[in-house]
Amino acid sequence: MFIPAGFATVAPYLVVDGAAAYIDFLVAALDGVHVGSSIRPDGVVANGQVSFGGGEHAATIMVSEAQPGFPAGAAQIYLFVEDADAAMAKAVAHGATSIMEADDRPYGDRQGGIVDPWQTTWWISQRLTADAYSFE
């Protein structure tokens, strides 16, 4: 099985209204890196790719413009960052709405939540320990 560099076995694919503007938001507000986009003949994004993180933990998501048969839909994404408070503040400064302030959680993350202007919920988490999650 071949999986492109920067992707995992499971890759989020977000369908939104205003895909080009959404990619700009992901880059500006959440420190994503725009890998590239395929543009349809009508000028809208057929498939855009935005990468987060780096090295062995890099993850790429795909973004596409909504169209008949493929409507925009809400999603929730868990995003690991170096500094949850700073990442939350930056996202809010770029138009996201805070839905849960960053706080230390019992499972070892400092986590907060935002909803971006396209209605995707981002759980912004700073892992505070190298321990694996415990499911006891």
N, C-alpha and C. Protein backbone atom coordinates (compact mmCIF):
# COMPACT_ATOMS: atom_id res chain seq x y z
N MET A 1 0.86 -1.18 0.00
CA MET A 1 0.00 0.00 0.00
C MET A 1 0.90 1.23 0.00
N PHE A 2 0.59 2.18 -0.86
CA PHE A 2 1.34 3.43 -0.93
C PHE A 2 0.53 4.54 -0.28
N ILE A 3 1.17 5.30 0.61
CA ILE A 3 0.56 6.47 1.24
C ILE A 3 1.51 7.63 1.01
N PRO A 4 1.01 8.76 0.47
CA PRO A 4 1.90 9.89 0.19
C PRO A 4 2.57 10.44 1.44
N ALA A 5 3.75 10.99 1.27
CA ALA A 5 4.47 11.62 2.38
C ALA A 5 3.59 12.69 3.01
N GLY A 6 3.61 12.76 4.33
CA GLY A 6 2.82 13.76 5.05
C GLY A 6 1.41 13.30 5.40
N PHE A 7 1.01 12.14 4.90
CA PHE A 7 -0.31 11.60 5.19
C PHE A 7 -0.19 10.39 6.10
N ALA A 8 -1.25 10.11 6.86
CA ALA A 8 -1.36 8.91 7.66
C ALA A 8 -2.38 7.99 6.97
N THR A 9 -2.63 6.86 7.55
CA THR A 9 -3.61 5.94 6.98
C THR A 9 -4.98 6.58 6.90
N VAL A 10 -5.31 7.42 7.85
CA VAL A 10 -6.56 8.17 7.86
C VAL A 10 -6.23 9.64 7.69
N ALA A 11 -6.88 10.30 6.73
CA ALA A 11 -6.62 11.72 6.49
C ALA A 11 -7.93 12.48 6.45
N PRO A 12 -8.10 13.48 7.30
CA PRO A 12 -9.33 14.28 7.25
C PRO A 12 -9.49 14.97 5.89
N TYR A 13 -10.71 15.00 5.41
CA TYR A 13 -11.04 15.68 4.16
C TYR A 13 -12.24 16.57 4.46
N LEU A 14 -12.02 17.89 4.45
CA LEU A 14 -13.06 18.84 4.82
C LEU A 14 -13.67 19.46 3.57
N VAL A 15 -14.99 19.43 3.49
CA VAL A 15 -15.72 20.06 2.39
C VAL A 15 -16.38 21.31 2.97
N VAL A 16 -16.03 22.48 2.41
CA VAL A 16 -16.48 23.75 2.96
C VAL A 16 -16.95 24.68 1.84
N ASP A 17 -17.69 25.69 2.22
CA ASP A 17 -18.01 26.80 1.32
C ASP A 17 -16.88 27.81 1.45
N GLY A 18 -16.21 28.14 0.35
CA GLY A 18 -15.09 29.09 0.40
C GLY A 18 -13.79 28.40 0.72
N ALA A 19 -13.44 27.35 0.00
CA ALA A 19 -12.25 26.54 0.30
C ALA A 19 -10.96 27.35 0.24
N ALA A 20 -10.81 28.23 -0.74
CA ALA A 20 -9.57 29.02 -0.84
C ALA A 20 -9.38 29.90 0.39
N ALA A 21 -10.44 30.55 0.84
CA ALA A 21 -10.35 31.39 2.04
C ALA A 21 -10.09 30.53 3.28
N TYR A 22 -10.66 29.34 3.30
CA TYR A 22 -10.45 28.44 4.44
C TYR A 22 -8.99 28.01 4.51
N ILE A 23 -8.38 27.71 3.38
CA ILE A 23 -6.97 27.36 3.37
C ILE A 23 -6.14 28.52 3.90
N ASP A 24 -6.47 29.74 3.49
CA ASP A 24 -5.76 30.93 4.00
C ASP A 24 -5.90 31.02 5.52
N PHE A 25 -7.11 30.76 6.06
CA PHE A 25 -7.34 30.78 7.50
C PHE A 25 -6.47 29.72 8.20
N LEU A 26 -6.44 28.51 7.67
CA LEU A 26 -5.66 27.44 8.29
C LEU A 26 -4.18 27.80 8.38
N VAL A 27 -3.67 28.47 7.36
CA VAL A 27 -2.27 28.89 7.34
C VAL A 27 -2.05 30.02 8.35
N ALA A 28 -2.89 31.04 8.32
CA ALA A 28 -2.71 32.21 9.18
C ALA A 28 -3.03 31.95 10.64
N ALA A 29 -4.11 31.23 10.90
CA ALA A 29 -4.59 31.09 12.28
C ALA A 29 -4.06 29.86 13.00
N LEU A 30 -3.77 28.79 12.26
CA LEU A 30 -3.38 27.54 12.91
C LEU A 30 -2.01 27.03 12.47
N ASP A 31 -1.25 27.89 11.81
CA ASP A 31 0.12 27.57 11.40
C ASP A 31 0.22 26.39 10.44
N GLY A 32 -0.82 26.17 9.65
CA GLY A 32 -0.74 25.16 8.61
C GLY A 32 0.18 25.63 7.49
N VAL A 33 0.62 24.68 6.69
CA VAL A 33 1.45 24.97 5.52
C VAL A 33 0.68 24.50 4.30
N HIS A 34 0.39 25.44 3.39
CA HIS A 34 -0.35 25.10 2.18
C HIS A 34 0.59 24.31 1.26
N VAL A 35 0.30 23.04 1.08
CA VAL A 35 1.13 22.16 0.26
C VAL A 35 0.84 22.41 -1.22
N GLY A 36 -0.42 22.65 -1.54
CA GLY A 36 -0.81 22.90 -2.93
C GLY A 36 -2.29 22.64 -3.11
N SER A 37 -2.81 23.03 -4.26
CA SER A 37 -4.23 22.85 -4.56
C SER A 37 -4.41 22.50 -6.03
N SER A 38 -5.40 21.67 -6.29
CA SER A 38 -5.89 21.44 -7.65
C SER A 38 -7.11 22.34 -7.82
N ILE A 39 -7.13 23.09 -8.89
CA ILE A 39 -8.20 24.05 -9.13
C ILE A 39 -9.09 23.54 -10.27
N ARG A 40 -10.41 23.55 -10.04
CA ARG A 40 -11.36 23.14 -11.08
C ARG A 40 -11.39 24.19 -12.19
N PRO A 41 -11.93 23.82 -13.37
CA PRO A 41 -12.04 24.79 -14.47
C PRO A 41 -12.82 26.06 -14.11
N ASP A 42 -13.74 25.97 -13.12
CA ASP A 42 -14.50 27.16 -12.72
C ASP A 42 -13.75 28.03 -11.71
N GLY A 43 -12.49 27.65 -11.40
CA GLY A 43 -11.65 28.48 -10.55
C GLY A 43 -11.69 28.18 -9.06
N VAL A 44 -12.46 27.19 -8.64
CA VAL A 44 -12.52 26.89 -7.21
C VAL A 44 -11.68 25.67 -6.87
N VAL A 45 -11.39 25.52 -5.59
CA VAL A 45 -10.51 24.45 -5.12
C VAL A 45 -11.22 23.09 -5.21
N ALA A 46 -10.63 22.19 -6.00
CA ALA A 46 -11.12 20.82 -6.07
C ALA A 46 -10.52 20.00 -4.93
N ASN A 47 -9.23 20.23 -4.66
CA ASN A 47 -8.54 19.54 -3.58
C ASN A 47 -7.35 20.38 -3.16
N GLY A 48 -7.42 20.90 -1.95
CA GLY A 48 -6.29 21.63 -1.38
C GLY A 48 -5.70 20.80 -0.26
N GLN A 49 -4.41 20.92 -0.05
CA GLN A 49 -3.76 20.17 1.01
C GLN A 49 -3.01 21.13 1.92
N VAL A 50 -3.24 20.95 3.23
CA VAL A 50 -2.60 21.77 4.25
C VAL A 50 -1.96 20.82 5.26
N SER A 51 -0.68 21.04 5.53
CA SER A 51 0.07 20.19 6.45
C SER A 51 0.24 20.91 7.79
N PHE A 52 0.22 20.13 8.86
CA PHE A 52 0.41 20.63 10.21
C PHE A 52 1.56 19.87 10.87
N GLY A 53 2.35 20.57 11.66
CA GLY A 53 3.45 19.93 12.36
C GLY A 53 4.60 19.66 11.42
N GLY A 54 5.49 18.83 11.85
CA GLY A 54 6.64 18.50 11.02
C GLY A 54 7.22 17.16 11.43
N GLY A 55 8.19 16.73 10.69
CA GLY A 55 8.86 15.48 11.01
C GLY A 55 7.93 14.29 10.96
N GLU A 56 8.19 13.32 11.83
CA GLU A 56 7.42 12.09 11.82
C GLU A 56 5.96 12.28 12.23
N HIS A 57 5.64 13.41 12.85
CA HIS A 57 4.27 13.63 13.31
C HIS A 57 3.49 14.59 12.42
N ALA A 58 4.04 14.95 11.28
CA ALA A 58 3.32 15.83 10.36
C ALA A 58 2.04 15.15 9.91
N ALA A 59 1.02 15.95 9.72
CA ALA A 59 -0.26 15.43 9.23
C ALA A 59 -0.82 16.40 8.21
N THR A 60 -1.38 15.85 7.16
CA THR A 60 -1.95 16.66 6.10
C THR A 60 -3.45 16.43 6.05
N ILE A 61 -4.20 17.53 5.91
CA ILE A 61 -5.63 17.43 5.69
C ILE A 61 -5.92 17.92 4.27
N MET A 62 -7.05 17.50 3.76
CA MET A 62 -7.48 17.94 2.43
C MET A 62 -8.72 18.80 2.59
N VAL A 63 -8.86 19.79 1.71
CA VAL A 63 -9.98 20.73 1.73
C VAL A 63 -10.53 20.83 0.32
N SER A 64 -11.86 20.82 0.22
CA SER A 64 -12.50 20.95 -1.09
C SER A 64 -13.68 21.89 -0.99
N GLU A 65 -13.97 22.56 -2.10
CA GLU A 65 -15.14 23.44 -2.20
C GLU A 65 -16.40 22.58 -2.24
N ALA A 66 -17.41 22.98 -1.47
CA ALA A 66 -18.70 22.29 -1.52
C ALA A 66 -19.30 22.44 -2.91
N GLN A 67 -20.09 21.45 -3.30
CA GLN A 67 -20.77 21.48 -4.59
C GLN A 67 -21.99 20.57 -4.51
N PRO A 68 -22.88 20.64 -5.46
CA PRO A 68 -24.05 19.75 -5.43
C PRO A 68 -23.61 18.29 -5.28
N GLY A 69 -24.22 17.60 -4.36
CA GLY A 69 -23.87 16.22 -4.08
C GLY A 69 -22.79 16.07 -3.01
N PHE A 70 -22.04 17.14 -2.76
CA PHE A 70 -20.99 17.13 -1.75
C PHE A 70 -21.09 18.42 -0.93
N PRO A 71 -22.11 18.52 -0.06
CA PRO A 71 -22.32 19.76 0.69
C PRO A 71 -21.28 19.96 1.79
N ALA A 72 -21.15 21.20 2.23
CA ALA A 72 -20.28 21.52 3.36
C ALA A 72 -20.79 20.79 4.60
N GLY A 73 -19.87 20.35 5.42
CA GLY A 73 -20.26 19.66 6.64
C GLY A 73 -19.32 20.01 7.78
N ALA A 74 -19.85 19.99 8.97
CA ALA A 74 -19.06 20.30 10.16
C ALA A 74 -18.18 19.11 10.54
N ALA A 75 -17.03 19.40 11.10
CA ALA A 75 -16.10 18.36 11.54
C ALA A 75 -15.47 18.81 12.85
N GLN A 76 -14.83 17.86 13.53
CA GLN A 76 -14.06 18.16 14.73
C GLN A 76 -12.68 17.57 14.55
N ILE A 77 -11.66 18.37 14.83
CA ILE A 77 -10.27 17.94 14.64
C ILE A 77 -9.49 18.22 15.92
N TYR A 78 -8.67 17.26 16.30
CA TYR A 78 -7.79 17.38 17.45
C TYR A 78 -6.43 17.78 16.94
N LEU A 79 -5.91 18.93 17.35
CA LEU A 79 -4.65 19.46 16.85
C LEU A 79 -3.66 19.62 18.00
N PHE A 80 -2.53 18.90 17.93
CA PHE A 80 -1.49 19.04 18.93
C PHE A 80 -0.60 20.23 18.57
N VAL A 81 -0.30 21.07 19.57
CA VAL A 81 0.52 22.27 19.39
C VAL A 81 1.55 22.35 20.51
N GLU A 82 2.53 23.23 20.33
CA GLU A 82 3.55 23.45 21.37
C GLU A 82 3.00 24.25 22.55
N ASP A 83 2.12 25.22 22.29
CA ASP A 83 1.61 26.13 23.32
C ASP A 83 0.11 26.35 23.08
N ALA A 84 -0.72 25.67 23.85
CA ALA A 84 -2.16 25.74 23.64
C ALA A 84 -2.72 27.15 23.83
N ASP A 85 -2.23 27.87 24.83
CA ASP A 85 -2.75 29.21 25.09
C ASP A 85 -2.44 30.15 23.92
N ALA A 86 -1.21 30.10 23.43
CA ALA A 86 -0.82 30.96 22.30
C ALA A 86 -1.59 30.57 21.04
N ALA A 87 -1.74 29.27 20.80
CA ALA A 87 -2.46 28.81 19.61
C ALA A 87 -3.93 29.22 19.65
N MET A 88 -4.53 29.13 20.83
CA MET A 88 -5.93 29.56 20.99
C MET A 88 -6.05 31.05 20.69
N ALA A 89 -5.16 31.85 21.28
CA ALA A 89 -5.22 33.30 21.09
C ALA A 89 -5.05 33.66 19.61
N LYS A 90 -4.14 33.00 18.94
CA LYS A 90 -3.90 33.28 17.52
C LYS A 90 -5.13 32.93 16.69
N ALA A 91 -5.74 31.79 16.95
CA ALA A 91 -6.94 31.39 16.20
C ALA A 91 -8.08 32.38 16.41
N VAL A 92 -8.28 32.80 17.64
CA VAL A 92 -9.34 33.78 17.94
C VAL A 92 -9.04 35.11 17.24
N ALA A 93 -7.78 35.51 17.21
CA ALA A 93 -7.39 36.76 16.55
C ALA A 93 -7.68 36.71 15.05
N HIS A 94 -7.74 35.51 14.50
CA HIS A 94 -8.02 35.35 13.07
C HIS A 94 -9.47 34.98 12.79
N GLY A 95 -10.35 35.16 13.77
CA GLY A 95 -11.78 35.01 13.51
C GLY A 95 -12.45 33.79 14.10
N ALA A 96 -11.70 32.92 14.78
CA ALA A 96 -12.31 31.76 15.43
C ALA A 96 -13.02 32.21 16.70
N THR A 97 -13.93 31.39 17.17
CA THR A 97 -14.66 31.64 18.41
C THR A 97 -14.24 30.61 19.45
N SER A 98 -13.82 31.08 20.62
CA SER A 98 -13.46 30.16 21.70
C SER A 98 -14.72 29.50 22.26
N ILE A 99 -14.69 28.18 22.36
CA ILE A 99 -15.82 27.46 22.97
C ILE A 99 -15.43 26.80 24.28
N MET A 100 -14.10 26.71 24.53
CA MET A 100 -13.61 26.15 25.78
C MET A 100 -12.21 26.70 25.99
N GLU A 101 -12.04 27.46 27.06
CA GLU A 101 -10.73 28.04 27.35
C GLU A 101 -9.70 26.94 27.62
N ALA A 102 -8.45 27.20 27.27
CA ALA A 102 -7.38 26.24 27.53
C ALA A 102 -7.22 26.04 29.03
N ASP A 103 -7.11 24.79 29.43
CA ASP A 103 -6.97 24.43 30.83
C ASP A 103 -6.30 23.05 30.87
N ASP A 104 -5.65 22.74 32.00
CA ASP A 104 -5.03 21.42 32.16
C ASP A 104 -6.12 20.38 32.38
N ARG A 105 -6.06 19.32 31.61
CA ARG A 105 -7.06 18.26 31.65
C ARG A 105 -6.49 17.03 32.36
N PRO A 106 -7.36 16.21 32.96
CA PRO A 106 -6.88 15.06 33.72
C PRO A 106 -6.18 14.00 32.87
N TYR A 107 -6.32 14.04 31.57
CA TYR A 107 -5.69 13.04 30.70
C TYR A 107 -4.32 13.49 30.19
N GLY A 108 -3.79 14.60 30.73
CA GLY A 108 -2.42 14.99 30.43
C GLY A 108 -2.25 16.03 29.34
N ASP A 109 -3.32 16.65 28.90
CA ASP A 109 -3.24 17.71 27.89
C ASP A 109 -3.68 19.03 28.49
N ARG A 110 -3.08 20.11 28.02
CA ARG A 110 -3.63 21.45 28.23
C ARG A 110 -4.41 21.72 26.96
N GLN A 111 -5.72 21.85 27.10
CA GLN A 111 -6.57 21.85 25.92
C GLN A 111 -7.64 22.93 26.01
N GLY A 112 -7.92 23.50 24.83
CA GLY A 112 -9.04 24.41 24.67
C GLY A 112 -9.72 24.09 23.36
N GLY A 113 -10.81 24.77 23.09
CA GLY A 113 -11.53 24.50 21.85
C GLY A 113 -11.96 25.79 21.17
N ILE A 114 -11.91 25.76 19.83
CA ILE A 114 -12.39 26.89 19.03
C ILE A 114 -13.27 26.35 17.92
N VAL A 115 -14.15 27.20 17.43
CA VAL A 115 -14.89 26.92 16.21
C VAL A 115 -14.46 27.96 15.20
N ASP A 116 -14.01 27.49 14.04
CA ASP A 116 -13.55 28.43 13.02
C ASP A 116 -14.75 28.99 12.25
N PRO A 117 -14.54 30.01 11.44
CA PRO A 117 -15.66 30.63 10.71
C PRO A 117 -16.38 29.69 9.73
N TRP A 118 -15.80 28.50 9.47
CA TRP A 118 -16.43 27.52 8.57
C TRP A 118 -17.14 26.43 9.36
N GLN A 119 -17.21 26.60 10.69
CA GLN A 119 -17.91 25.72 11.61
C GLN A 119 -17.20 24.40 11.90
N THR A 120 -15.88 24.35 11.67
CA THR A 120 -15.09 23.21 12.11
C THR A 120 -14.64 23.48 13.54
N THR A 121 -14.81 22.49 14.40
CA THR A 121 -14.35 22.59 15.78
C THR A 121 -12.92 22.05 15.84
N TRP A 122 -12.03 22.81 16.45
CA TRP A 122 -10.64 22.42 16.64
C TRP A 122 -10.37 22.28 18.13
N TRP A 123 -9.98 21.09 18.58
CA TRP A 123 -9.56 20.87 19.96
C TRP A 123 -8.06 21.05 19.98
N ILE A 124 -7.61 22.17 20.51
CA ILE A 124 -6.20 22.57 20.46
C ILE A 124 -5.54 22.09 21.74
N SER A 125 -4.60 21.16 21.59
CA SER A 125 -4.05 20.46 22.74
C SER A 125 -2.53 20.47 22.79
N GLN A 126 -2.05 20.81 23.96
CA GLN A 126 -0.62 20.78 24.26
C GLN A 126 -0.41 19.59 25.19
N ARG A 127 0.29 18.58 24.73
CA ARG A 127 0.55 17.40 25.56
C ARG A 127 1.53 17.79 26.65
N LEU A 128 1.17 17.53 27.91
CA LEU A 128 1.98 17.95 29.05
C LEU A 128 2.91 16.84 29.54
N THR A 129 2.73 15.65 29.07
CA THR A 129 3.52 14.51 29.51
C THR A 129 3.84 13.63 28.31
N ALA A 130 4.94 12.88 28.42
CA ALA A 130 5.30 11.96 27.33
C ALA A 130 4.53 10.65 27.44
N ASP A 131 3.78 10.49 28.53
CA ASP A 131 3.03 9.25 28.74
C ASP A 131 1.94 9.10 27.68
N ALA A 132 1.65 7.86 27.36
CA ALA A 132 0.54 7.56 26.46
C ALA A 132 -0.77 7.84 27.20
N TYR A 133 -1.84 8.04 26.45
CA TYR A 133 -3.15 8.20 27.07
C TYR A 133 -3.52 6.91 27.79
N SER A 134 -4.12 7.06 28.95
CA SER A 134 -4.58 5.90 29.72
C SER A 134 -6.08 5.76 29.54
N PHE A 135 -6.52 4.55 29.26
CA PHE A 135 -7.95 4.31 29.03
C PHE A 135 -8.56 3.46 30.13
N GLU A 136 -7.98 3.50 31.32
CA GLU A 136 -8.49 2.73 32.45
C GLU A 136 -9.73 3.32 33.01
